[in-house]
Amino acid sequence: MIVAVLDDLMFTSKIRSAARAAGVTVVFARSRDAALAAVRHHRPSLVVLDLNNPRAEPLEIVSALKQPAGDAPSPPLAILGYVSHVDTAAIEAARAAGVDTVLARSAFTQRIGELLQGK
């Protein structure tokens, strides 16, 4: 089970297609609250974040997942974020926040199938 947090139809379609081909279930969320609720409910092995989506507050999601308290969700096995390769500030902030894997959008697109399978 994977939770993907994004608001981009092109990437949603790519993730959905790759997940279908890999036989993996993906739940999509478009906001911080929806993402945290999906993680609580589904207990995914992977959370995928569009780090350039300010509406979803991706770094706040990472913070909430890395430091659960009370009824907060347990950390997933891995947090993967993809970002524009020129957005070095977002890349550094994501790494500092605890994103396990940070990839450029192009690398994420090329490796999406294997990443969703946990390879």
PDB file of N, CA and C in Angstrom:
ATOM      1  N   MET A   1       0.845  -1.181   0.000  1.00  0.00           N
ATOM      2  CA  MET A   1       0.000   0.000   0.000  1.00  0.00           C
ATOM      3  C   MET A   1       0.887   1.240   0.000  1.00  0.00           C
ATOM      4  N   ILE A   2       0.520   2.188  -0.846  1.00  0.00           N
ATOM      5  CA  ILE A   2       1.261   3.436  -0.986  1.00  0.00           C
ATOM      6  C   ILE A   2       0.276   4.601  -0.882  1.00  0.00           C
ATOM      7  N   VAL A   3       0.696   5.660  -0.219  1.00  0.00           N
ATOM      8  CA  VAL A   3      -0.066   6.905  -0.206  1.00  0.00           C
ATOM      9  C   VAL A   3       0.736   7.924  -1.010  1.00  0.00           C
ATOM     10  N   ALA A   4       0.106   8.516  -2.009  1.00  0.00           N
ATOM     11  CA  ALA A   4       0.739   9.532  -2.844  1.00  0.00           C
ATOM     12  C   ALA A   4       0.043  10.865  -2.606  1.00  0.00           C
ATOM     13  N   VAL A   5       0.832  11.879  -2.307  1.00  0.00           N
ATOM     14  CA  VAL A   5       0.284  13.199  -1.995  1.00  0.00           C
ATOM     15  C   VAL A   5       0.716  14.162  -3.091  1.00  0.00           C
ATOM     16  N   LEU A   6      -0.236  14.486  -3.947  1.00  0.00           N
ATOM     17  CA  LEU A   6       0.060  15.377  -5.063  1.00  0.00           C
ATOM     18  C   LEU A   6      -1.220  15.984  -5.600  1.00  0.00           C
ATOM     19  N   ASP A   7      -1.040  16.998  -6.424  1.00  0.00           N
ATOM     20  CA  ASP A   7      -2.173  17.711  -7.001  1.00  0.00           C
ATOM     21  C   ASP A   7      -1.916  17.963  -8.483  1.00  0.00           C
ATOM     22  N   ASP A   8      -1.242  17.030  -9.127  1.00  0.00           N
ATOM     23  CA  ASP A   8      -0.852  17.172 -10.519  1.00  0.00           C
ATOM     24  C   ASP A   8      -1.434  15.999 -11.300  1.00  0.00           C
ATOM     25  N   LEU A   9      -2.320  16.286 -12.239  1.00  0.00           N
ATOM     26  CA  LEU A   9      -3.001  15.214 -12.968  1.00  0.00           C
ATOM     27  C   LEU A   9      -2.049  14.354 -13.787  1.00  0.00           C
ATOM     28  N   MET A  10      -1.002  14.947 -14.344  1.00  0.00           N
ATOM     29  CA  MET A  10      -0.058  14.168 -15.138  1.00  0.00           C
ATOM     30  C   MET A  10       0.666  13.140 -14.257  1.00  0.00           C
ATOM     31  N   PHE A  11       1.157  13.569 -13.113  1.00  0.00           N
ATOM     32  CA  PHE A  11       1.855  12.644 -12.228  1.00  0.00           C
ATOM     33  C   PHE A  11       0.892  11.649 -11.584  1.00  0.00           C
ATOM     34  N   THR A  12      -0.319  12.078 -11.297  1.00  0.00           N
ATOM     35  CA  THR A  12      -1.326  11.140 -10.783  1.00  0.00           C
ATOM     36  C   THR A  12      -1.544  10.020 -11.777  1.00  0.00           C
ATOM     37  N   SER A  13      -1.681  10.363 -13.038  1.00  0.00           N
ATOM     38  CA  SER A  13      -1.878   9.371 -14.087  1.00  0.00           C
ATOM     39  C   SER A  13      -0.675   8.438 -14.211  1.00  0.00           C
ATOM     40  N   LYS A  14       0.534   8.996 -14.159  1.00  0.00           N
ATOM     41  CA  LYS A  14       1.747   8.178 -14.258  1.00  0.00           C
ATOM     42  C   LYS A  14       1.853   7.208 -13.088  1.00  0.00           C
ATOM     43  N   ILE A  15       1.583   7.701 -11.894  1.00  0.00           N
ATOM     44  CA  ILE A  15       1.653   6.843 -10.708  1.00  0.00           C
ATOM     45  C   ILE A  15       0.584   5.762 -10.770  1.00  0.00           C
ATOM     46  N   ARG A  16      -0.624   6.154 -11.140  1.00  0.00           N
ATOM     47  CA  ARG A  16      -1.727   5.182 -11.232  1.00  0.00           C
ATOM     48  C   ARG A  16      -1.397   4.082 -12.241  1.00  0.00           C
ATOM     49  N   SER A  17      -0.885   4.447 -13.407  1.00  0.00           N
ATOM     50  CA  SER A  17      -0.534   3.461 -14.440  1.00  0.00           C
ATOM     51  C   SER A  17       0.582   2.536 -13.977  1.00  0.00           C
ATOM     52  N   ALA A  18       1.619   3.104 -13.383  1.00  0.00           N
ATOM     53  CA  ALA A  18       2.737   2.286 -12.905  1.00  0.00           C
ATOM     54  C   ALA A  18       2.297   1.360 -11.777  1.00  0.00           C
ATOM     55  N   ALA A  19       1.445   1.847 -10.896  1.00  0.00           N
ATOM     56  CA  ALA A  19       0.946   1.022  -9.789  1.00  0.00           C
ATOM     57  C   ALA A  19       0.109  -0.138 -10.316  1.00  0.00           C
ATOM     58  N   ARG A  20      -0.728   0.151 -11.290  1.00  0.00           N
ATOM     59  CA  ARG A  20      -1.562  -0.904 -11.887  1.00  0.00           C
ATOM     60  C   ARG A  20      -0.678  -1.977 -12.513  1.00  0.00           C
ATOM     61  N   ALA A  21       0.343  -1.563 -13.248  1.00  0.00           N
ATOM     62  CA  ALA A  21       1.259  -2.510 -13.898  1.00  0.00           C
ATOM     63  C   ALA A  21       2.039  -3.329 -12.868  1.00  0.00           C
ATOM     64  N   ALA A  22       2.332  -2.716 -11.722  1.00  0.00           N
ATOM     65  CA  ALA A  22       3.109  -3.396 -10.681  1.00  0.00           C
ATOM     66  C   ALA A  22       2.235  -4.172  -9.706  1.00  0.00           C
ATOM     67  N   GLY A  23       0.924  -4.014  -9.815  1.00  0.00           N
ATOM     68  CA  GLY A  23       0.018  -4.686  -8.888  1.00  0.00           C
ATOM     69  C   GLY A  23       0.047  -4.098  -7.487  1.00  0.00           C
ATOM     70  N   VAL A  24       0.285  -2.796  -7.423  1.00  0.00           N
ATOM     71  CA  VAL A  24       0.393  -2.094  -6.146  1.00  0.00           C
ATOM     72  C   VAL A  24      -0.823  -1.183  -5.984  1.00  0.00           C
ATOM     73  N   THR A  25      -1.340  -1.099  -4.776  1.00  0.00           N
ATOM     74  CA  THR A  25      -2.460  -0.208  -4.491  1.00  0.00           C
ATOM     75  C   THR A  25      -1.931   1.153  -4.046  1.00  0.00           C
ATOM     76  N   VAL A  26      -2.473   2.211  -4.647  1.00  0.00           N
ATOM     77  CA  VAL A  26      -2.092   3.576  -4.287  1.00  0.00           C
ATOM     78  C   VAL A  26      -3.343   4.345  -3.897  1.00  0.00           C
ATOM     79  N   VAL A  27      -3.257   5.035  -2.770  1.00  0.00           N
ATOM     80  CA  VAL A  27      -4.306   5.943  -2.332  1.00  0.00           C
ATOM     81  C   VAL A  27      -3.768   7.349  -2.539  1.00  0.00           C
ATOM     82  N   PHE A  28      -4.549   8.186  -3.190  1.00  0.00           N
ATOM     83  CA  PHE A  28      -4.112   9.550  -3.488  1.00  0.00           C
ATOM     84  C   PHE A  28      -4.734  10.532  -2.501  1.00  0.00           C
ATOM     85  N   ALA A  29      -3.935  11.509  -2.091  1.00  0.00           N
ATOM     86  CA  ALA A  29      -4.391  12.579  -1.211  1.00  0.00           C
ATOM     87  C   ALA A  29      -3.908  13.892  -1.803  1.00  0.00           C
ATOM     88  N   ARG A  30      -4.702  14.942  -1.602  1.00  0.00           N
ATOM     89  CA  ARG A  30      -4.346  16.232  -2.178  1.00  0.00           C
ATOM     90  C   ARG A  30      -4.019  17.284  -1.133  1.00  0.00           C
ATOM     91  N   SER A  31      -4.193  16.963   0.142  1.00  0.00           N
ATOM     92  CA  SER A  31      -3.928  17.945   1.201  1.00  0.00           C
ATOM     93  C   SER A  31      -3.221  17.264   2.370  1.00  0.00           C
ATOM     94  N   ARG A  32      -2.702  18.081   3.249  1.00  0.00           N
ATOM     95  CA  ARG A  32      -2.014  17.570   4.438  1.00  0.00           C
ATOM     96  C   ARG A  32      -2.955  16.705   5.266  1.00  0.00           C
ATOM     97  N   ASP A  33      -4.138  17.220   5.547  1.00  0.00           N
ATOM     98  CA  ASP A  33      -5.083  16.478   6.388  1.00  0.00           C
ATOM     99  C   ASP A  33      -5.505  15.158   5.749  1.00  0.00           C
ATOM    100  N   ALA A  34      -5.773  15.183   4.451  1.00  0.00           N
ATOM    101  CA  ALA A  34      -6.158  13.953   3.749  1.00  0.00           C
ATOM    102  C   ALA A  34      -5.006  12.952   3.747  1.00  0.00           C
ATOM    103  N   ALA A  35      -3.784  13.450   3.602  1.00  0.00           N
ATOM    104  CA  ALA A  35      -2.620  12.561   3.598  1.00  0.00           C
ATOM    105  C   ALA A  35      -2.441  11.890   4.952  1.00  0.00           C
ATOM    106  N   LEU A  36      -2.522  12.671   6.017  1.00  0.00           N
ATOM    107  CA  LEU A  36      -2.347  12.095   7.351  1.00  0.00           C
ATOM    108  C   LEU A  36      -3.472  11.109   7.683  1.00  0.00           C
ATOM    109  N   ALA A  37      -4.683  11.422   7.254  1.00  0.00           N
ATOM    110  CA  ALA A  37      -5.797  10.487   7.469  1.00  0.00           C
ATOM    111  C   ALA A  37      -5.576   9.196   6.687  1.00  0.00           C
ATOM    112  N   ALA A  38      -5.088   9.302   5.463  1.00  0.00           N
ATOM    113  CA  ALA A  38      -4.842   8.113   4.645  1.00  0.00           C
ATOM    114  C   ALA A  38      -3.733   7.255   5.253  1.00  0.00           C
ATOM    115  N   VAL A  39      -2.697   7.885   5.779  1.00  0.00           N
ATOM    116  CA  VAL A  39      -1.610   7.134   6.415  1.00  0.00           C
ATOM    117  C   VAL A  39      -2.124   6.438   7.670  1.00  0.00           C
ATOM    118  N   ARG A  40      -2.909   7.128   8.472  1.00  0.00           N
ATOM    119  CA  ARG A  40      -3.491   6.534   9.681  1.00  0.00           C
ATOM    120  C   ARG A  40      -4.339   5.315   9.337  1.00  0.00           C
ATOM    121  N   HIS A  41      -5.149   5.456   8.313  1.00  0.00           N
ATOM    122  CA  HIS A  41      -6.097   4.398   7.949  1.00  0.00           C
ATOM    123  C   HIS A  41      -5.431   3.211   7.251  1.00  0.00           C
ATOM    124  N   HIS A  42      -4.520   3.480   6.329  1.00  0.00           N
ATOM    125  CA  HIS A  42      -3.982   2.418   5.473  1.00  0.00           C
ATOM    126  C   HIS A  42      -2.623   1.867   5.913  1.00  0.00           C
ATOM    127  N   ARG A  43      -1.904   2.592   6.759  1.00  0.00           N
ATOM    128  CA  ARG A  43      -0.574   2.152   7.198  1.00  0.00           C
ATOM    129  C   ARG A  43       0.308   1.730   6.015  1.00  0.00           C
ATOM    130  N   PRO A  44       0.601   2.662   5.119  1.00  0.00           N
ATOM    131  CA  PRO A  44       1.354   2.326   3.902  1.00  0.00           C
ATOM    132  C   PRO A  44       2.817   1.996   4.187  1.00  0.00           C
ATOM    133  N   SER A  45       3.429   1.337   3.240  1.00  0.00           N
ATOM    134  CA  SER A  45       4.868   1.077   3.329  1.00  0.00           C
ATOM    135  C   SER A  45       5.663   2.227   2.711  1.00  0.00           C
ATOM    136  N   LEU A  46       4.984   3.058   1.912  1.00  0.00           N
ATOM    137  CA  LEU A  46       5.637   4.169   1.227  1.00  0.00           C
ATOM    138  C   LEU A  46       4.688   5.352   1.122  1.00  0.00           C
ATOM    139  N   VAL A  47       5.225   6.544   1.367  1.00  0.00           N
ATOM    140  CA  VAL A  47       4.499   7.789   1.115  1.00  0.00           C
ATOM    141  C   VAL A  47       5.285   8.539   0.050  1.00  0.00           C
ATOM    142  N   VAL A  48       4.607   8.924  -1.022  1.00  0.00           N
ATOM    143  CA  VAL A  48       5.219   9.674  -2.118  1.00  0.00           C
ATOM    144  C   VAL A  48       4.695  11.104  -2.049  1.00  0.00           C
ATOM    145  N   LEU A  49       5.605  12.069  -2.060  1.00  0.00           N
ATOM    146  CA  LEU A  49       5.238  13.483  -1.942  1.00  0.00           C
ATOM    147  C   LEU A  49       5.753  14.298  -3.115  1.00  0.00           C
ATOM    148  N   ASP A  50       4.884  15.147  -3.647  1.00  0.00           N
ATOM    149  CA  ASP A  50       5.316  16.174  -4.593  1.00  0.00           C
ATOM    150  C   ASP A  50       5.802  17.330  -3.734  1.00  0.00           C
ATOM    151  N   LEU A  51       7.111  17.502  -3.662  1.00  0.00           N
ATOM    152  CA  LEU A  51       7.694  18.516  -2.795  1.00  0.00           C
ATOM    153  C   LEU A  51       7.489  19.936  -3.302  1.00  0.00           C
ATOM    154  N   ASN A  52       7.036  20.082  -4.538  1.00  0.00           N
ATOM    155  CA  ASN A  52       6.744  21.405  -5.090  1.00  0.00           C
ATOM    156  C   ASN A  52       5.271  21.761  -4.983  1.00  0.00           C
ATOM    157  N   ASN A  53       4.519  21.037  -4.177  1.00  0.00           N
ATOM    158  CA  ASN A  53       3.090  21.289  -4.021  1.00  0.00           C
ATOM    159  C   ASN A  53       2.844  21.986  -2.683  1.00  0.00           C
ATOM    160  N   PRO A  54       2.875  23.323  -2.659  1.00  0.00           N
ATOM    161  CA  PRO A  54       2.706  24.034  -1.387  1.00  0.00           C
ATOM    162  C   PRO A  54       1.324  23.838  -0.767  1.00  0.00           C
ATOM    163  N   ARG A  55       0.327  23.557  -1.587  1.00  0.00           N
ATOM    164  CA  ARG A  55      -1.029  23.358  -1.070  1.00  0.00           C
ATOM    165  C   ARG A  55      -1.090  22.176  -0.095  1.00  0.00           C
ATOM    166  N   ALA A  56      -0.308  21.146  -0.357  1.00  0.00           N
ATOM    167  CA  ALA A  56      -0.329  19.954   0.486  1.00  0.00           C
ATOM    168  C   ALA A  56       0.597  20.073   1.701  1.00  0.00           C
ATOM    169  N   GLU A  57       1.419  21.109   1.739  1.00  0.00           N
ATOM    170  CA  GLU A  57       2.347  21.307   2.852  1.00  0.00           C
ATOM    171  C   GLU A  57       3.211  20.059   3.086  1.00  0.00           C
ATOM    172  N   PRO A  58       3.985  19.648   2.068  1.00  0.00           N
ATOM    173  CA  PRO A  58       4.713  18.385   2.161  1.00  0.00           C
ATOM    174  C   PRO A  58       5.691  18.286   3.334  1.00  0.00           C
ATOM    175  N   LEU A  59       6.369  19.359   3.677  1.00  0.00           N
ATOM    176  CA  LEU A  59       7.318  19.273   4.785  1.00  0.00           C
ATOM    177  C   LEU A  59       6.613  19.150   6.134  1.00  0.00           C
ATOM    178  N   GLU A  60       5.429  19.707   6.242  1.00  0.00           N
ATOM    179  CA  GLU A  60       4.639  19.520   7.458  1.00  0.00           C
ATOM    180  C   GLU A  60       4.148  18.074   7.558  1.00  0.00           C
ATOM    181  N   ILE A  61       3.835  17.466   6.422  1.00  0.00           N
ATOM    182  CA  ILE A  61       3.452  16.058   6.408  1.00  0.00           C
ATOM    183  C   ILE A  61       4.623  15.210   6.890  1.00  0.00           C
ATOM    184  N   VAL A  62       5.811  15.491   6.379  1.00  0.00           N
ATOM    185  CA  VAL A  62       7.002  14.739   6.784  1.00  0.00           C
ATOM    186  C   VAL A  62       7.221  14.878   8.284  1.00  0.00           C
ATOM    187  N   SER A  63       7.122  16.084   8.775  1.00  0.00           N
ATOM    188  CA  SER A  63       7.302  16.319  10.207  1.00  0.00           C
ATOM    189  C   SER A  63       6.303  15.513  11.029  1.00  0.00           C
ATOM    190  N   ALA A  64       5.053  15.523  10.625  1.00  0.00           N
ATOM    191  CA  ALA A  64       4.019  14.770  11.342  1.00  0.00           C
ATOM    192  C   ALA A  64       4.277  13.270  11.279  1.00  0.00           C
ATOM    193  N   LEU A  65       4.779  12.787  10.158  1.00  0.00           N
ATOM    194  CA  LEU A  65       5.035  11.353  10.018  1.00  0.00           C
ATOM    195  C   LEU A  65       6.284  10.910  10.772  1.00  0.00           C
ATOM    196  N   LYS A  66       7.262  11.762  10.851  1.00  0.00           N
ATOM    197  CA  LYS A  66       8.523  11.411  11.512  1.00  0.00           C
ATOM    198  C   LYS A  66       8.432  11.497  13.030  1.00  0.00           C
ATOM    199  N   GLN A  67       7.495  12.297  13.548  1.00  0.00           N
ATOM    200  CA  GLN A  67       7.395  12.484  14.981  1.00  0.00           C
ATOM    201  C   GLN A  67       5.969  12.244  15.462  1.00  0.00           C
ATOM    202  N   PRO A  68       5.500  10.996  15.365  1.00  0.00           N
ATOM    203  CA  PRO A  68       4.134  10.726  15.798  1.00  0.00           C
ATOM    204  C   PRO A  68       3.986  10.914  17.307  1.00  0.00           C
ATOM    205  N   ALA A  69       2.824  11.386  17.688  1.00  0.00           N
ATOM    206  CA  ALA A  69       2.522  11.555  19.107  1.00  0.00           C
ATOM    207  C   ALA A  69       1.043  11.291  19.319  1.00  0.00           C
ATOM    208  N   GLY A  70       0.721  10.634  20.403  1.00  0.00           N
ATOM    209  CA  GLY A  70      -0.684  10.352  20.692  1.00  0.00           C
ATOM    210  C   GLY A  70      -1.303   9.477  19.630  1.00  0.00           C
ATOM    211  N   ASP A  71      -2.347  10.008  18.987  1.00  0.00           N
ATOM    212  CA  ASP A  71      -3.044   9.218  17.959  1.00  0.00           C
ATOM    213  C   ASP A  71      -2.519   9.513  16.550  1.00  0.00           C
ATOM    214  N   ALA A  72      -1.357  10.168  16.459  1.00  0.00           N
ATOM    215  CA  ALA A  72      -0.769  10.448  15.142  1.00  0.00           C
ATOM    216  C   ALA A  72      -0.353   9.147  14.484  1.00  0.00           C
ATOM    217  N   PRO A  73      -0.230   9.155  13.162  1.00  0.00           N
ATOM    218  CA  PRO A  73       0.135   7.925  12.455  1.00  0.00           C
ATOM    219  C   PRO A  73       1.554   7.478  12.772  1.00  0.00           C
ATOM    220  N   SER A  74       1.771   6.178  12.707  1.00  0.00           N
ATOM    221  CA  SER A  74       3.118   5.637  12.834  1.00  0.00           C
ATOM    222  C   SER A  74       3.889   5.977  11.565  1.00  0.00           C
ATOM    223  N   PRO A  75       5.187   6.133  11.670  1.00  0.00           N
ATOM    224  CA  PRO A  75       5.947   6.448  10.458  1.00  0.00           C
ATOM    225  C   PRO A  75       5.846   5.329   9.429  1.00  0.00           C
ATOM    226  N   PRO A  76       5.702   5.683   8.155  1.00  0.00           N
ATOM    227  CA  PRO A  76       5.733   4.651   7.115  1.00  0.00           C
ATOM    228  C   PRO A  76       7.161   4.131   6.986  1.00  0.00           C
ATOM    229  N   LEU A  77       7.320   3.051   6.271  1.00  0.00           N
ATOM    230  CA  LEU A  77       8.665   2.511   6.093  1.00  0.00           C
ATOM    231  C   LEU A  77       9.548   3.490   5.335  1.00  0.00           C
ATOM    232  N   ALA A  78       8.987   4.230   4.395  1.00  0.00           N
ATOM    233  CA  ALA A  78       9.807   5.141   3.595  1.00  0.00           C
ATOM    234  C   ALA A  78       8.989   6.341   3.141  1.00  0.00           C
ATOM    235  N   ILE A  79       9.679   7.465   3.037  1.00  0.00           N
ATOM    236  CA  ILE A  79       9.084   8.674   2.474  1.00  0.00           C
ATOM    237  C   ILE A  79       9.933   9.070   1.280  1.00  0.00           C
ATOM    238  N   LEU A  80       9.295   9.180   0.123  1.00  0.00           N
ATOM    239  CA  LEU A  80       9.961   9.538  -1.118  1.00  0.00           C
ATOM    240  C   LEU A  80       9.369  10.851  -1.609  1.00  0.00           C
ATOM    241  N   GLY A  81      10.222  11.797  -1.946  1.00  0.00           N
ATOM    242  CA  GLY A  81       9.755  13.061  -2.490  1.00  0.00           C
ATOM    243  C   GLY A  81      10.378  13.324  -3.842  1.00  0.00           C
ATOM    244  N   TYR A  82       9.582  13.913  -4.719  1.00  0.00           N
ATOM    245  CA  TYR A  82      10.134  14.329  -6.010  1.00  0.00           C
ATOM    246  C   TYR A  82       9.938  15.826  -6.151  1.00  0.00           C
ATOM    247  N   VAL A  83      10.880  16.444  -6.884  1.00  0.00           N
ATOM    248  CA  VAL A  83      10.963  17.900  -6.903  1.00  0.00           C
ATOM    249  C   VAL A  83      11.647  18.348  -8.183  1.00  0.00           C
ATOM    250  N   SER A  84      11.408  19.569  -8.568  1.00  0.00           N
ATOM    251  CA  SER A  84      12.114  20.159  -9.704  1.00  0.00           C
ATOM    252  C   SER A  84      13.609  20.155  -9.393  1.00  0.00           C
ATOM    253  N   HIS A  85      14.423  19.698 -10.336  1.00  0.00           N
ATOM    254  CA  HIS A  85      15.863  19.576 -10.096  1.00  0.00           C
ATOM    255  C   HIS A  85      16.545  20.917  -9.846  1.00  0.00           C
ATOM    256  N   VAL A  86      15.915  22.012 -10.225  1.00  0.00           N
ATOM    257  CA  VAL A  86      16.524  23.324 -10.014  1.00  0.00           C
ATOM    258  C   VAL A  86      16.126  23.944  -8.676  1.00  0.00           C
ATOM    259  N   ASP A  87      15.220  23.315  -7.964  1.00  0.00           N
ATOM    260  CA  ASP A  87      14.740  23.845  -6.685  1.00  0.00           C
ATOM    261  C   ASP A  87      15.611  23.326  -5.547  1.00  0.00           C
ATOM    262  N   THR A  88      16.836  23.816  -5.498  1.00  0.00           N
ATOM    263  CA  THR A  88      17.794  23.307  -4.514  1.00  0.00           C
ATOM    264  C   THR A  88      17.361  23.586  -3.076  1.00  0.00           C
ATOM    265  N   ALA A  89      16.656  24.681  -2.853  1.00  0.00           N
ATOM    266  CA  ALA A  89      16.177  24.980  -1.498  1.00  0.00           C
ATOM    267  C   ALA A  89      15.186  23.911  -1.035  1.00  0.00           C
ATOM    268  N   ALA A  90      14.277  23.496  -1.910  1.00  0.00           N
ATOM    269  CA  ALA A  90      13.310  22.453  -1.551  1.00  0.00           C
ATOM    270  C   ALA A  90      13.999  21.111  -1.344  1.00  0.00           C
ATOM    271  N   ILE A  91      15.007  20.830  -2.149  1.00  0.00           N
ATOM    272  CA  ILE A  91      15.754  19.576  -2.008  1.00  0.00           C
ATOM    273  C   ILE A  91      16.441  19.533  -0.644  1.00  0.00           C
ATOM    274  N   GLU A  92      17.124  20.605  -0.288  1.00  0.00           N
ATOM    275  CA  GLU A  92      17.814  20.661   1.006  1.00  0.00           C
ATOM    276  C   GLU A  92      16.834  20.614   2.166  1.00  0.00           C
ATOM    277  N   ALA A  93      15.724  21.336   2.056  1.00  0.00           N
ATOM    278  CA  ALA A  93      14.728  21.343   3.125  1.00  0.00           C
ATOM    279  C   ALA A  93      14.112  19.961   3.311  1.00  0.00           C
ATOM    280  N   ALA A  94      13.854  19.266   2.218  1.00  0.00           N
ATOM    281  CA  ALA A  94      13.274  17.925   2.298  1.00  0.00           C
ATOM    282  C   ALA A  94      14.230  16.960   2.985  1.00  0.00           C
ATOM    283  N   ARG A  95      15.481  17.017   2.611  1.00  0.00           N
ATOM    284  CA  ARG A  95      16.481  16.143   3.252  1.00  0.00           C
ATOM    285  C   ARG A  95      16.597  16.458   4.737  1.00  0.00           C
ATOM    286  N   ALA A  96      16.613  17.746   5.078  1.00  0.00           N
ATOM    287  CA  ALA A  96      16.704  18.153   6.480  1.00  0.00           C
ATOM    288  C   ALA A  96      15.471  17.723   7.270  1.00  0.00           C
ATOM    289  N   ALA A  97      14.317  17.706   6.620  1.00  0.00           N
ATOM    290  CA  ALA A  97      13.072  17.324   7.286  1.00  0.00           C
ATOM    291  C   ALA A  97      12.967  15.819   7.503  1.00  0.00           C
ATOM    292  N   GLY A  98      13.779  15.047   6.765  1.00  0.00           N
ATOM    293  CA  GLY A  98      13.754  13.604   6.957  1.00  0.00           C
ATOM    294  C   GLY A  98      13.174  12.801   5.821  1.00  0.00           C
ATOM    295  N   VAL A  99      13.008  13.415   4.646  1.00  0.00           N
ATOM    296  CA  VAL A  99      12.557  12.646   3.482  1.00  0.00           C
ATOM    297  C   VAL A  99      13.655  11.643   3.156  1.00  0.00           C
ATOM    298  N   ASP A 100      13.304  10.371   3.089  1.00  0.00           N
ATOM    299  CA  ASP A 100      14.289   9.310   2.900  1.00  0.00           C
ATOM    300  C   ASP A 100      14.959   9.360   1.536  1.00  0.00           C
ATOM    301  N   THR A 101      14.172   9.594   0.489  1.00  0.00           N
ATOM    302  CA  THR A 101      14.694   9.659  -0.871  1.00  0.00           C
ATOM    303  C   THR A 101      14.128  10.896  -1.544  1.00  0.00           C
ATOM    304  N   VAL A 102      15.012  11.731  -2.079  1.00  0.00           N
ATOM    305  CA  VAL A 102      14.600  12.926  -2.815  1.00  0.00           C
ATOM    306  C   VAL A 102      15.115  12.768  -4.248  1.00  0.00           C
ATOM    307  N   LEU A 103      14.175  12.813  -5.193  1.00  0.00           N
ATOM    308  CA  LEU A 103      14.522  12.638  -6.600  1.00  0.00           C
ATOM    309  C   LEU A 103      14.031  13.818  -7.429  1.00  0.00           C
ATOM    310  N   ALA A 104      14.768  14.092  -8.487  1.00  0.00           N
ATOM    311  CA  ALA A 104      14.287  15.057  -9.476  1.00  0.00           C
ATOM    312  C   ALA A 104      13.052  14.458 -10.148  1.00  0.00           C
ATOM    313  N   ARG A 105      12.158  15.300 -10.597  1.00  0.00           N
ATOM    314  CA  ARG A 105      10.942  14.820 -11.268  1.00  0.00           C
ATOM    315  C   ARG A 105      11.271  13.861 -12.405  1.00  0.00           C
ATOM    316  N   SER A 106      12.291  14.178 -13.184  1.00  0.00           N
ATOM    317  CA  SER A 106      12.646  13.331 -14.326  1.00  0.00           C
ATOM    318  C   SER A 106      13.117  11.953 -13.867  1.00  0.00           C
ATOM    319  N   ALA A 107      13.909  11.892 -12.809  1.00  0.00           N
ATOM    320  CA  ALA A 107      14.377  10.603 -12.286  1.00  0.00           C
ATOM    321  C   ALA A 107      13.209   9.806 -11.710  1.00  0.00           C
ATOM    322  N   PHE A 108      12.307  10.493 -11.028  1.00  0.00           N
ATOM    323  CA  PHE A 108      11.123   9.825 -10.486  1.00  0.00           C
ATOM    324  C   PHE A 108      10.295   9.211 -11.617  1.00  0.00           C
ATOM    325  N   THR A 109      10.095   9.975 -12.677  1.00  0.00           N
ATOM    326  CA  THR A 109       9.317   9.491 -13.820  1.00  0.00           C
ATOM    327  C   THR A 109       9.975   8.271 -14.452  1.00  0.00           C
ATOM    328  N   GLN A 110      11.287   8.292 -14.601  1.00  0.00           N
ATOM    329  CA  GLN A 110      12.005   7.176 -15.217  1.00  0.00           C
ATOM    330  C   GLN A 110      11.971   5.919 -14.357  1.00  0.00           C
ATOM    331  N   ARG A 111      11.970   6.077 -13.050  1.00  0.00           N
ATOM    332  CA  ARG A 111      12.076   4.928 -12.140  1.00  0.00           C
ATOM    333  C   ARG A 111      10.790   4.593 -11.412  1.00  0.00           C
ATOM    334  N   ILE A 112       9.686   5.214 -11.784  1.00  0.00           N
ATOM    335  CA  ILE A 112       8.448   5.107 -11.020  1.00  0.00           C
ATOM    336  C   ILE A 112       8.004   3.665 -10.776  1.00  0.00           C
ATOM    337  N   GLY A 113       8.085   2.821 -11.767  1.00  0.00           N
ATOM    338  CA  GLY A 113       7.654   1.432 -11.612  1.00  0.00           C
ATOM    339  C   GLY A 113       8.447   0.697 -10.557  1.00  0.00           C
ATOM    340  N   GLU A 114       9.754   0.783 -10.619  1.00  0.00           N
ATOM    341  CA  GLU A 114      10.606   0.093  -9.636  1.00  0.00           C
ATOM    342  C   GLU A 114      10.473   0.713  -8.248  1.00  0.00           C
ATOM    343  N   LEU A 115      10.296   2.028  -8.171  1.00  0.00           N
ATOM    344  CA  LEU A 115      10.139   2.686  -6.880  1.00  0.00           C
ATOM    345  C   LEU A 115       8.857   2.238  -6.183  1.00  0.00           C
ATOM    346  N   LEU A 116       7.780   2.113  -6.935  1.00  0.00           N
ATOM    347  CA  LEU A 116       6.515   1.680  -6.350  1.00  0.00           C
ATOM    348  C   LEU A 116       6.566   0.225  -5.880  1.00  0.00           C
ATOM    349  N   GLN A 117       7.462  -0.537  -6.466  1.00  0.00           N
ATOM    350  CA  GLN A 117       7.633  -1.933  -6.059  1.00  0.00           C
ATOM    351  C   GLN A 117       8.638  -2.074  -4.930  1.00  0.00           C
ATOM    352  N   GLY A 118       9.205  -0.958  -4.484  1.00  0.00           N
ATOM    353  CA  GLY A 118      10.139  -0.986  -3.377  1.00  0.00           C
ATOM    354  C   GLY A 118      11.559  -1.353  -3.757  1.00  0.00           C
ATOM    355  N   LYS A 119      11.893  -1.182  -5.010  1.00  0.00           N
ATOM    356  CA  LYS A 119      13.260  -1.516  -5.465  1.00  0.00           C
ATOM    357  C   LYS A 119      14.153  -0.313  -5.485  1.00  0.00           C
TER     358      LYS A 119
END
